[in-house]
């Protein structure tokens, strides 16, 4: 084919990838070695391009060998790391039967039971989405993460905010993807790894590094709002987890 006919590039845009892993000073060192953000991906593409083009500069060739060696070492460490595998998750997955993927009743039966229980109108919802966080809510969250206030004080503040707006709609928590990621095991979190969500909205997406499990109930606390209105309230959460994987280091199943 000839080296002049080969183009090395990323498989897709890096728009939704955090900028630079070097900015993440609080990430666990082992987990950090398994990741690559935009700057690191560009460096890898550059190294591959030079390797395939037959780089003649000896110092550059030595550098590329070190890059490849480090890459292989990180891949091996992750493959055999005990942090990646959760035995409970493996057992649960292995015990699944075909019937576990299907409801015991069809949707028409469930709709009848739901209507009998709740007596919902034809259009029961008012709005979809969340109101923006208030400055006070953001302040309380920062103080909680900085361990300046207790979890009880944090929960109290959240509940007070819910009471204020429950007649309108739920207040926004920290971004829904980050919120759910914080409730699960197998995720690491960025401090400066912001990515574009939509428009000018940016979020810190969780990074998956191993088997994911739910150690405890995730939204039970939020259901306290059901006591604030005589009308039935339904919580619908649609959350996507953007997973940062280094394609040559990590296999995402």
C-alpha atoms as a PDB file:
ATOM      1  CA  UNK A   1       0.000   0.000   0.000  1.00  0.00           C
ATOM      2  CA  UNK A   2       2.831   2.380   0.786  1.00  0.00           C
ATOM      3  CA  UNK A   3       3.244   4.625   3.814  1.00  0.00           C
ATOM      4  CA  UNK A   4       2.082   7.630   1.815  1.00  0.00           C
ATOM      5  CA  UNK A   5      -1.387   6.077   1.533  1.00  0.00           C
ATOM      6  CA  UNK A   6      -1.914   5.462   5.265  1.00  0.00           C
ATOM      7  CA  UNK A   7      -3.529   8.017   7.564  1.00  0.00           C
ATOM      8  CA  UNK A   8      -3.435   7.512  11.350  1.00  0.00           C
ATOM      9  CA  UNK A   9      -6.165   9.264  13.325  1.00  0.00           C
ATOM     10  CA  UNK A  10      -8.523   8.887  16.258  1.00  0.00           C
ATOM     11  CA  UNK A  11     -11.596   6.753  15.578  1.00  0.00           C
ATOM     12  CA  UNK A  12     -13.906   9.689  16.347  1.00  0.00           C
ATOM     13  CA  UNK A  13     -13.931  13.318  17.447  1.00  0.00           C
ATOM     14  CA  UNK A  14     -12.310  14.143  20.791  1.00  0.00           C
ATOM     15  CA  UNK A  15     -14.954  16.799  21.463  1.00  0.00           C
ATOM     16  CA  UNK A  16     -16.507  14.809  24.311  1.00  0.00           C
ATOM     17  CA  UNK A  17     -13.199  13.745  25.837  1.00  0.00           C
ATOM     18  CA  UNK A  18     -11.622  15.563  28.777  1.00  0.00           C
ATOM     19  CA  UNK A  19      -8.648  17.671  27.703  1.00  0.00           C
ATOM     20  CA  UNK A  20      -5.584  16.544  29.643  1.00  0.00           C
ATOM     21  CA  UNK A  21      -5.046  13.710  32.116  1.00  0.00           C
ATOM     22  CA  UNK A  22      -2.083  15.607  33.561  1.00  0.00           C
ATOM     23  CA  UNK A  23      -4.574  18.008  35.187  1.00  0.00           C
ATOM     24  CA  UNK A  24      -6.043  15.189  37.281  1.00  0.00           C
ATOM     25  CA  UNK A  25      -3.860  15.388  40.369  1.00  0.00           C
ATOM     26  CA  UNK A  26      -6.248  13.512  42.686  1.00  0.00           C
ATOM     27  CA  UNK A  27      -6.948  10.432  40.580  1.00  0.00           C
ATOM     28  CA  UNK A  28      -5.641   7.156  41.951  1.00  0.00           C
ATOM     29  CA  UNK A  29      -2.229   6.600  40.327  1.00  0.00           C
ATOM     30  CA  UNK A  30      -2.955   3.045  39.246  1.00  0.00           C
ATOM     31  CA  UNK A  31      -6.297   3.940  37.659  1.00  0.00           C
ATOM     32  CA  UNK A  32      -4.790   7.050  36.093  1.00  0.00           C
ATOM     33  CA  UNK A  33      -2.209   4.902  34.270  1.00  0.00           C
ATOM     34  CA  UNK A  34      -5.078   3.108  32.493  1.00  0.00           C
ATOM     35  CA  UNK A  35      -6.678   6.282  31.105  1.00  0.00           C
ATOM     36  CA  UNK A  36      -6.060   8.654  28.231  1.00  0.00           C
ATOM     37  CA  UNK A  37      -7.725  12.031  27.706  1.00  0.00           C
ATOM     38  CA  UNK A  38      -7.557  14.096  24.522  1.00  0.00           C
ATOM     39  CA  UNK A  39      -3.928  15.232  24.902  1.00  0.00           C
ATOM     40  CA  UNK A  40      -2.752  11.674  25.566  1.00  0.00           C
ATOM     41  CA  UNK A  41      -4.749  10.265  22.645  1.00  0.00           C
ATOM     42  CA  UNK A  42      -3.182  12.800  20.287  1.00  0.00           C
ATOM     43  CA  UNK A  43       0.279  11.833  21.561  1.00  0.00           C
ATOM     44  CA  UNK A  44      -0.492   8.157  20.922  1.00  0.00           C
ATOM     45  CA  UNK A  45      -1.754   8.859  17.410  1.00  0.00           C
ATOM     46  CA  UNK A  46       1.426  10.830  16.737  1.00  0.00           C
ATOM     47  CA  UNK A  47       3.601   7.975  18.037  1.00  0.00           C
ATOM     48  CA  UNK A  48       1.765   5.427  15.873  1.00  0.00           C
ATOM     49  CA  UNK A  49       2.072   7.658  12.814  1.00  0.00           C
ATOM     50  CA  UNK A  50       5.808   8.061  13.302  1.00  0.00           C
ATOM     51  CA  UNK A  51       6.260   4.328  13.897  1.00  0.00           C
ATOM     52  CA  UNK A  52       4.369   3.411  10.722  1.00  0.00           C
ATOM     53  CA  UNK A  53       6.182   6.032   8.656  1.00  0.00           C
ATOM     54  CA  UNK A  54       9.560   4.513   9.505  1.00  0.00           C
ATOM     55  CA  UNK A  55      10.940   7.221  11.777  1.00  0.00           C
ATOM     56  CA  UNK A  56      14.689   7.443  11.194  1.00  0.00           C
ATOM     57  CA  UNK A  57      15.729   9.691  14.082  1.00  0.00           C
ATOM     58  CA  UNK A  58      17.296   7.357  16.670  1.00  0.00           C
ATOM     59  CA  UNK A  59      16.257   9.398  19.717  1.00  0.00           C
ATOM     60  CA  UNK A  60      12.648   9.491  18.499  1.00  0.00           C
ATOM     61  CA  UNK A  61      12.683   5.756  17.835  1.00  0.00           C
ATOM     62  CA  UNK A  62      13.898   5.126  21.386  1.00  0.00           C
ATOM     63  CA  UNK A  63      11.163   7.393  22.721  1.00  0.00           C
ATOM     64  CA  UNK A  64       8.497   5.493  20.785  1.00  0.00           C
ATOM     65  CA  UNK A  65       9.791   2.202  22.150  1.00  0.00           C
ATOM     66  CA  UNK A  66       9.405   3.550  25.690  1.00  0.00           C
ATOM     67  CA  UNK A  67       5.869   4.738  24.909  1.00  0.00           C
ATOM     68  CA  UNK A  68       4.912   1.303  23.585  1.00  0.00           C
ATOM     69  CA  UNK A  69       6.616  -0.414  26.529  1.00  0.00           C
ATOM     70  CA  UNK A  70       4.755   1.759  29.066  1.00  0.00           C
ATOM     71  CA  UNK A  71       1.501   1.133  27.224  1.00  0.00           C
ATOM     72  CA  UNK A  72       1.960  -2.631  27.362  1.00  0.00           C
ATOM     73  CA  UNK A  73       2.882  -2.475  31.064  1.00  0.00           C
ATOM     74  CA  UNK A  74      -0.270  -0.494  31.918  1.00  0.00           C
ATOM     75  CA  UNK A  75      -2.399  -2.912  29.910  1.00  0.00           C
ATOM     76  CA  UNK A  76      -0.899  -5.869  31.796  1.00  0.00           C
ATOM     77  CA  UNK A  77      -1.359  -4.212  35.201  1.00  0.00           C
ATOM     78  CA  UNK A  78      -5.021  -3.533  34.551  1.00  0.00           C
ATOM     79  CA  UNK A  79      -5.628  -7.024  33.187  1.00  0.00           C
ATOM     80  CA  UNK A  80      -4.442  -8.635  36.419  1.00  0.00           C
ATOM     81  CA  UNK A  81      -5.495  -5.956  38.906  1.00  0.00           C
ATOM     82  CA  UNK A  82      -7.795  -7.161  41.693  1.00  0.00           C
ATOM     83  CA  UNK A  83      -9.541  -3.793  41.614  1.00  0.00           C
ATOM     84  CA  UNK A  84     -11.020  -4.505  38.193  1.00  0.00           C
ATOM     85  CA  UNK A  85     -12.887  -7.677  39.097  1.00  0.00           C
ATOM     86  CA  UNK A  86     -15.787  -7.838  41.544  1.00  0.00           C
ATOM     87  CA  UNK A  87     -16.565 -11.460  42.429  1.00  0.00           C
ATOM     88  CA  UNK A  88     -20.149 -10.622  43.426  1.00  0.00           C
ATOM     89  CA  UNK A  89     -20.787  -9.067  40.026  1.00  0.00           C
ATOM     90  CA  UNK A  90     -19.312 -12.084  38.242  1.00  0.00           C
ATOM     91  CA  UNK A  91     -21.442 -14.498  40.280  1.00  0.00           C
ATOM     92  CA  UNK A  92     -24.593 -12.454  39.700  1.00  0.00           C
ATOM     93  CA  UNK A  93     -23.958 -12.297  35.953  1.00  0.00           C
ATOM     94  CA  UNK A  94     -23.222 -16.024  35.763  1.00  0.00           C
ATOM     95  CA  UNK A  95     -26.446 -16.890  37.595  1.00  0.00           C
ATOM     96  CA  UNK A  96     -28.704 -15.007  35.182  1.00  0.00           C
ATOM     97  CA  UNK A  97     -31.289 -17.130  33.375  1.00  0.00           C
ATOM     98  CA  UNK A  98     -33.164 -16.420  30.184  1.00  0.00           C
ATOM     99  CA  UNK A  99     -36.321 -15.712  32.165  1.00  0.00           C
ATOM    100  CA  UNK A 100     -34.532 -12.946  34.071  1.00  0.00           C
ATOM    101  CA  UNK A 101     -34.577 -10.824  30.931  1.00  0.00           C
ATOM    102  CA  UNK A 102     -38.374 -10.816  30.695  1.00  0.00           C
ATOM    103  CA  UNK A 103     -41.166  -9.402  32.878  1.00  0.00           C
ATOM    104  CA  UNK A 104     -43.533 -11.869  34.503  1.00  0.00           C
ATOM    105  CA  UNK A 105     -46.516  -9.917  33.121  1.00  0.00           C
ATOM    106  CA  UNK A 106     -47.028  -8.060  29.855  1.00  0.00           C
ATOM    107  CA  UNK A 107     -47.360  -4.297  29.641  1.00  0.00           C
ATOM    108  CA  UNK A 108     -51.150  -4.247  29.257  1.00  0.00           C
ATOM    109  CA  UNK A 109     -51.583  -6.011  32.610  1.00  0.00           C
ATOM    110  CA  UNK A 110     -49.156  -3.633  34.313  1.00  0.00           C
ATOM    111  CA  UNK A 111     -50.920  -0.568  32.890  1.00  0.00           C
ATOM    112  CA  UNK A 112     -54.263  -1.726  34.309  1.00  0.00           C
ATOM    113  CA  UNK A 113     -52.709  -2.315  37.751  1.00  0.00           C
ATOM    114  CA  UNK A 114     -50.951   1.071  37.623  1.00  0.00           C
ATOM    115  CA  UNK A 115     -54.104   2.952  36.736  1.00  0.00           C
ATOM    116  CA  UNK A 116     -56.078   1.157  39.454  1.00  0.00           C
ATOM    117  CA  UNK A 117     -53.448   2.084  42.035  1.00  0.00           C
ATOM    118  CA  UNK A 118     -52.649   5.661  40.971  1.00  0.00           C
ATOM    119  CA  UNK A 119     -55.649   6.886  38.979  1.00  0.00           C
ATOM    120  CA  UNK A 120     -53.424   9.024  36.766  1.00  0.00           C
ATOM    121  CA  UNK A 121     -54.870  11.532  34.263  1.00  0.00           C
ATOM    122  CA  UNK A 122     -54.217  11.142  30.524  1.00  0.00           C
ATOM    123  CA  UNK A 123     -51.186  13.459  30.712  1.00  0.00           C
ATOM    124  CA  UNK A 124     -49.833  13.072  34.257  1.00  0.00           C
ATOM    125  CA  UNK A 125     -46.492  14.866  33.822  1.00  0.00           C
ATOM    126  CA  UNK A 126     -45.905  18.598  34.046  1.00  0.00           C
ATOM    127  CA  UNK A 127     -42.300  19.089  32.986  1.00  0.00           C
ATOM    128  CA  UNK A 128     -39.351  16.932  32.112  1.00  0.00           C
ATOM    129  CA  UNK A 129     -35.931  17.947  33.291  1.00  0.00           C
ATOM    130  CA  UNK A 130     -34.639  19.842  36.308  1.00  0.00           C
ATOM    131  CA  UNK A 131     -34.575  23.437  37.376  1.00  0.00           C
ATOM    132  CA  UNK A 132     -31.075  24.947  37.555  1.00  0.00           C
ATOM    133  CA  UNK A 133     -29.244  24.667  40.826  1.00  0.00           C
ATOM    134  CA  UNK A 134     -29.370  27.734  43.045  1.00  0.00           C
ATOM    135  CA  UNK A 135     -26.216  29.428  44.261  1.00  0.00           C
ATOM    136  CA  UNK A 136     -26.991  28.205  47.779  1.00  0.00           C
ATOM    137  CA  UNK A 137     -27.328  24.624  46.566  1.00  0.00           C
ATOM    138  CA  UNK A 138     -23.989  24.814  44.774  1.00  0.00           C
ATOM    139  CA  UNK A 139     -22.378  26.299  47.878  1.00  0.00           C
ATOM    140  CA  UNK A 140     -23.721  23.511  50.111  1.00  0.00           C
ATOM    141  CA  UNK A 141     -22.447  20.882  47.685  1.00  0.00           C
ATOM    142  CA  UNK A 142     -18.978  22.428  47.587  1.00  0.00           C
ATOM    143  CA  UNK A 143     -18.853  22.573  51.378  1.00  0.00           C
ATOM    144  CA  UNK A 144     -19.932  18.934  51.643  1.00  0.00           C
ATOM    145  CA  UNK A 145     -17.286  17.748  49.179  1.00  0.00           C
ATOM    146  CA  UNK A 146     -14.693  19.802  51.044  1.00  0.00           C
ATOM    147  CA  UNK A 147     -15.855  18.145  54.303  1.00  0.00           C
ATOM    148  CA  UNK A 148     -16.791  21.516  55.799  1.00  0.00           C
ATOM    149  CA  UNK A 149     -20.293  20.304  56.671  1.00  0.00           C
ATOM    150  CA  UNK A 150     -21.601  16.898  57.714  1.00  0.00           C
ATOM    151  CA  UNK A 151     -23.665  14.560  55.579  1.00  0.00           C
ATOM    152  CA  UNK A 152     -26.664  15.218  57.846  1.00  0.00           C
ATOM    153  CA  UNK A 153     -26.396  18.973  57.248  1.00  0.00           C
ATOM    154  CA  UNK A 154     -26.029  18.361  53.518  1.00  0.00           C
ATOM    155  CA  UNK A 155     -29.114  16.129  53.384  1.00  0.00           C
ATOM    156  CA  UNK A 156     -31.078  18.658  55.437  1.00  0.00           C
ATOM    157  CA  UNK A 157     -30.248  21.420  52.965  1.00  0.00           C
ATOM    158  CA  UNK A 158     -31.231  19.246  49.987  1.00  0.00           C
ATOM    159  CA  UNK A 159     -34.537  18.337  51.619  1.00  0.00           C
ATOM    160  CA  UNK A 160     -35.315  21.979  52.343  1.00  0.00           C
ATOM    161  CA  UNK A 161     -34.702  22.848  48.695  1.00  0.00           C
ATOM    162  CA  UNK A 162     -36.938  19.993  47.556  1.00  0.00           C
ATOM    163  CA  UNK A 163     -39.707  21.255  49.828  1.00  0.00           C
ATOM    164  CA  UNK A 164     -39.487  24.676  48.183  1.00  0.00           C
ATOM    165  CA  UNK A 165     -39.894  23.490  44.626  1.00  0.00           C
ATOM    166  CA  UNK A 166     -41.804  20.211  44.841  1.00  0.00           C
ATOM    167  CA  UNK A 167     -45.004  21.956  43.732  1.00  0.00           C
ATOM    168  CA  UNK A 168     -43.160  22.953  40.585  1.00  0.00           C
ATOM    169  CA  UNK A 169     -40.645  20.223  39.883  1.00  0.00           C
ATOM    170  CA  UNK A 170     -37.506  18.603  41.312  1.00  0.00           C
ATOM    171  CA  UNK A 171     -34.388  20.708  41.918  1.00  0.00           C
ATOM    172  CA  UNK A 172     -31.272  19.703  40.068  1.00  0.00           C
ATOM    173  CA  UNK A 173     -28.676  17.630  41.863  1.00  0.00           C
ATOM    174  CA  UNK A 174     -25.100  17.589  40.702  1.00  0.00           C
ATOM    175  CA  UNK A 175     -25.210  16.514  37.070  1.00  0.00           C
ATOM    176  CA  UNK A 176     -27.247  13.304  36.852  1.00  0.00           C
ATOM    177  CA  UNK A 177     -24.454  11.208  35.323  1.00  0.00           C
ATOM    178  CA  UNK A 178     -22.008  12.241  38.043  1.00  0.00           C
ATOM    179  CA  UNK A 179     -24.685  11.732  40.694  1.00  0.00           C
ATOM    180  CA  UNK A 180     -25.367   8.131  39.661  1.00  0.00           C
ATOM    181  CA  UNK A 181     -21.690   7.376  39.169  1.00  0.00           C
ATOM    182  CA  UNK A 182     -21.021   8.443  42.755  1.00  0.00           C
ATOM    183  CA  UNK A 183     -23.535   5.857  43.956  1.00  0.00           C
ATOM    184  CA  UNK A 184     -21.824   2.953  42.159  1.00  0.00           C
ATOM    185  CA  UNK A 185     -18.590   1.049  42.692  1.00  0.00           C
ATOM    186  CA  UNK A 186     -16.154   0.661  39.792  1.00  0.00           C
ATOM    187  CA  UNK A 187     -16.010   4.371  38.919  1.00  0.00           C
ATOM    188  CA  UNK A 188     -13.319   7.009  39.432  1.00  0.00           C
ATOM    189  CA  UNK A 189     -14.025  10.725  39.257  1.00  0.00           C
ATOM    190  CA  UNK A 190     -12.314  13.693  37.663  1.00  0.00           C
ATOM    191  CA  UNK A 191     -11.596  17.019  39.309  1.00  0.00           C
ATOM    192  CA  UNK A 192     -10.739  19.011  36.187  1.00  0.00           C
ATOM    193  CA  UNK A 193     -11.837  16.616  33.437  1.00  0.00           C
ATOM    194  CA  UNK A 194     -14.720  18.690  32.072  1.00  0.00           C
ATOM    195  CA  UNK A 195     -16.354  17.676  28.776  1.00  0.00           C
ATOM    196  CA  UNK A 196     -19.112  19.236  26.714  1.00  0.00           C
ATOM    197  CA  UNK A 197     -22.569  17.816  27.386  1.00  0.00           C
ATOM    198  CA  UNK A 198     -24.698  20.057  25.186  1.00  0.00           C
ATOM    199  CA  UNK A 199     -24.511  23.690  24.121  1.00  0.00           C
ATOM    200  CA  UNK A 200     -22.304  25.497  26.610  1.00  0.00           C
ATOM    201  CA  UNK A 201     -23.035  22.940  29.360  1.00  0.00           C
ATOM    202  CA  UNK A 202     -19.985  21.013  30.563  1.00  0.00           C
ATOM    203  CA  UNK A 203     -19.864  18.136  33.034  1.00  0.00           C
ATOM    204  CA  UNK A 204     -17.328  15.904  34.772  1.00  0.00           C
ATOM    205  CA  UNK A 205     -17.994  12.417  33.467  1.00  0.00           C
ATOM    206  CA  UNK A 206     -17.114   9.396  35.634  1.00  0.00           C
ATOM    207  CA  UNK A 207     -14.446   6.975  34.426  1.00  0.00           C
ATOM    208  CA  UNK A 208     -15.218   3.264  34.618  1.00  0.00           C
ATOM    209  CA  UNK A 209     -12.278   1.070  35.571  1.00  0.00           C
ATOM    210  CA  UNK A 210     -13.817  -2.248  36.627  1.00  0.00           C
ATOM    211  CA  UNK A 211     -16.942  -4.255  37.384  1.00  0.00           C
ATOM    212  CA  UNK A 212     -19.830  -1.990  38.353  1.00  0.00           C
ATOM    213  CA  UNK A 213     -22.152  -2.711  41.272  1.00  0.00           C
ATOM    214  CA  UNK A 214     -24.671  -0.834  43.410  1.00  0.00           C
ATOM    215  CA  UNK A 215     -23.542  -1.013  47.068  1.00  0.00           C
ATOM    216  CA  UNK A 216     -26.683   0.664  48.417  1.00  0.00           C
ATOM    217  CA  UNK A 217     -30.025   2.154  47.370  1.00  0.00           C
ATOM    218  CA  UNK A 218     -29.468   5.111  45.048  1.00  0.00           C
ATOM    219  CA  UNK A 219     -32.567   7.311  45.166  1.00  0.00           C
ATOM    220  CA  UNK A 220     -34.478   6.319  48.315  1.00  0.00           C
ATOM    221  CA  UNK A 221     -33.504   9.599  49.971  1.00  0.00           C
ATOM    222  CA  UNK A 222     -34.982  11.577  47.100  1.00  0.00           C
ATOM    223  CA  UNK A 223     -38.384  10.002  47.580  1.00  0.00           C
ATOM    224  CA  UNK A 224     -38.943  12.142  50.667  1.00  0.00           C
ATOM    225  CA  UNK A 225     -40.617  14.578  48.273  1.00  0.00           C
ATOM    226  CA  UNK A 226     -43.569  12.199  47.948  1.00  0.00           C
ATOM    227  CA  UNK A 227     -44.640  13.326  51.420  1.00  0.00           C
ATOM    228  CA  UNK A 228     -44.941  16.914  50.277  1.00  0.00           C
ATOM    229  CA  UNK A 229     -47.889  16.487  47.912  1.00  0.00           C
ATOM    230  CA  UNK A 230     -51.152  14.526  47.921  1.00  0.00           C
ATOM    231  CA  UNK A 231     -50.628  13.773  44.249  1.00  0.00           C
ATOM    232  CA  UNK A 232     -48.648  10.710  43.119  1.00  0.00           C
ATOM    233  CA  UNK A 233     -45.103  11.497  42.093  1.00  0.00           C
ATOM    234  CA  UNK A 234     -43.073   9.395  39.726  1.00  0.00           C
ATOM    235  CA  UNK A 235     -39.305   9.697  39.527  1.00  0.00           C
ATOM    236  CA  UNK A 236     -37.929   9.042  36.084  1.00  0.00           C
ATOM    237  CA  UNK A 237     -34.167   9.064  35.709  1.00  0.00           C
ATOM    238  CA  UNK A 238     -32.517   8.854  32.342  1.00  0.00           C
ATOM    239  CA  UNK A 239     -28.789   8.745  32.779  1.00  0.00           C
ATOM    240  CA  UNK A 240     -26.070   7.813  30.360  1.00  0.00           C
ATOM    241  CA  UNK A 241     -22.584   6.974  31.495  1.00  0.00           C
ATOM    242  CA  UNK A 242     -19.908   8.112  29.097  1.00  0.00           C
ATOM    243  CA  UNK A 243     -17.023   5.772  29.664  1.00  0.00           C
ATOM    244  CA  UNK A 244     -13.495   6.942  29.040  1.00  0.00           C
ATOM    245  CA  UNK A 245     -11.527   3.952  27.861  1.00  0.00           C
ATOM    246  CA  UNK A 246      -8.065   3.845  26.441  1.00  0.00           C
ATOM    247  CA  UNK A 247      -8.782   1.604  23.508  1.00  0.00           C
ATOM    248  CA  UNK A 248      -5.313   0.079  23.407  1.00  0.00           C
ATOM    249  CA  UNK A 249      -5.203  -0.402  27.189  1.00  0.00           C
ATOM    250  CA  UNK A 250      -8.757  -1.170  28.200  1.00  0.00           C
ATOM    251  CA  UNK A 251     -11.410  -3.531  26.924  1.00  0.00           C
ATOM    252  CA  UNK A 252     -14.905  -2.235  27.665  1.00  0.00           C
ATOM    253  CA  UNK A 253     -17.519  -4.969  27.784  1.00  0.00           C
END
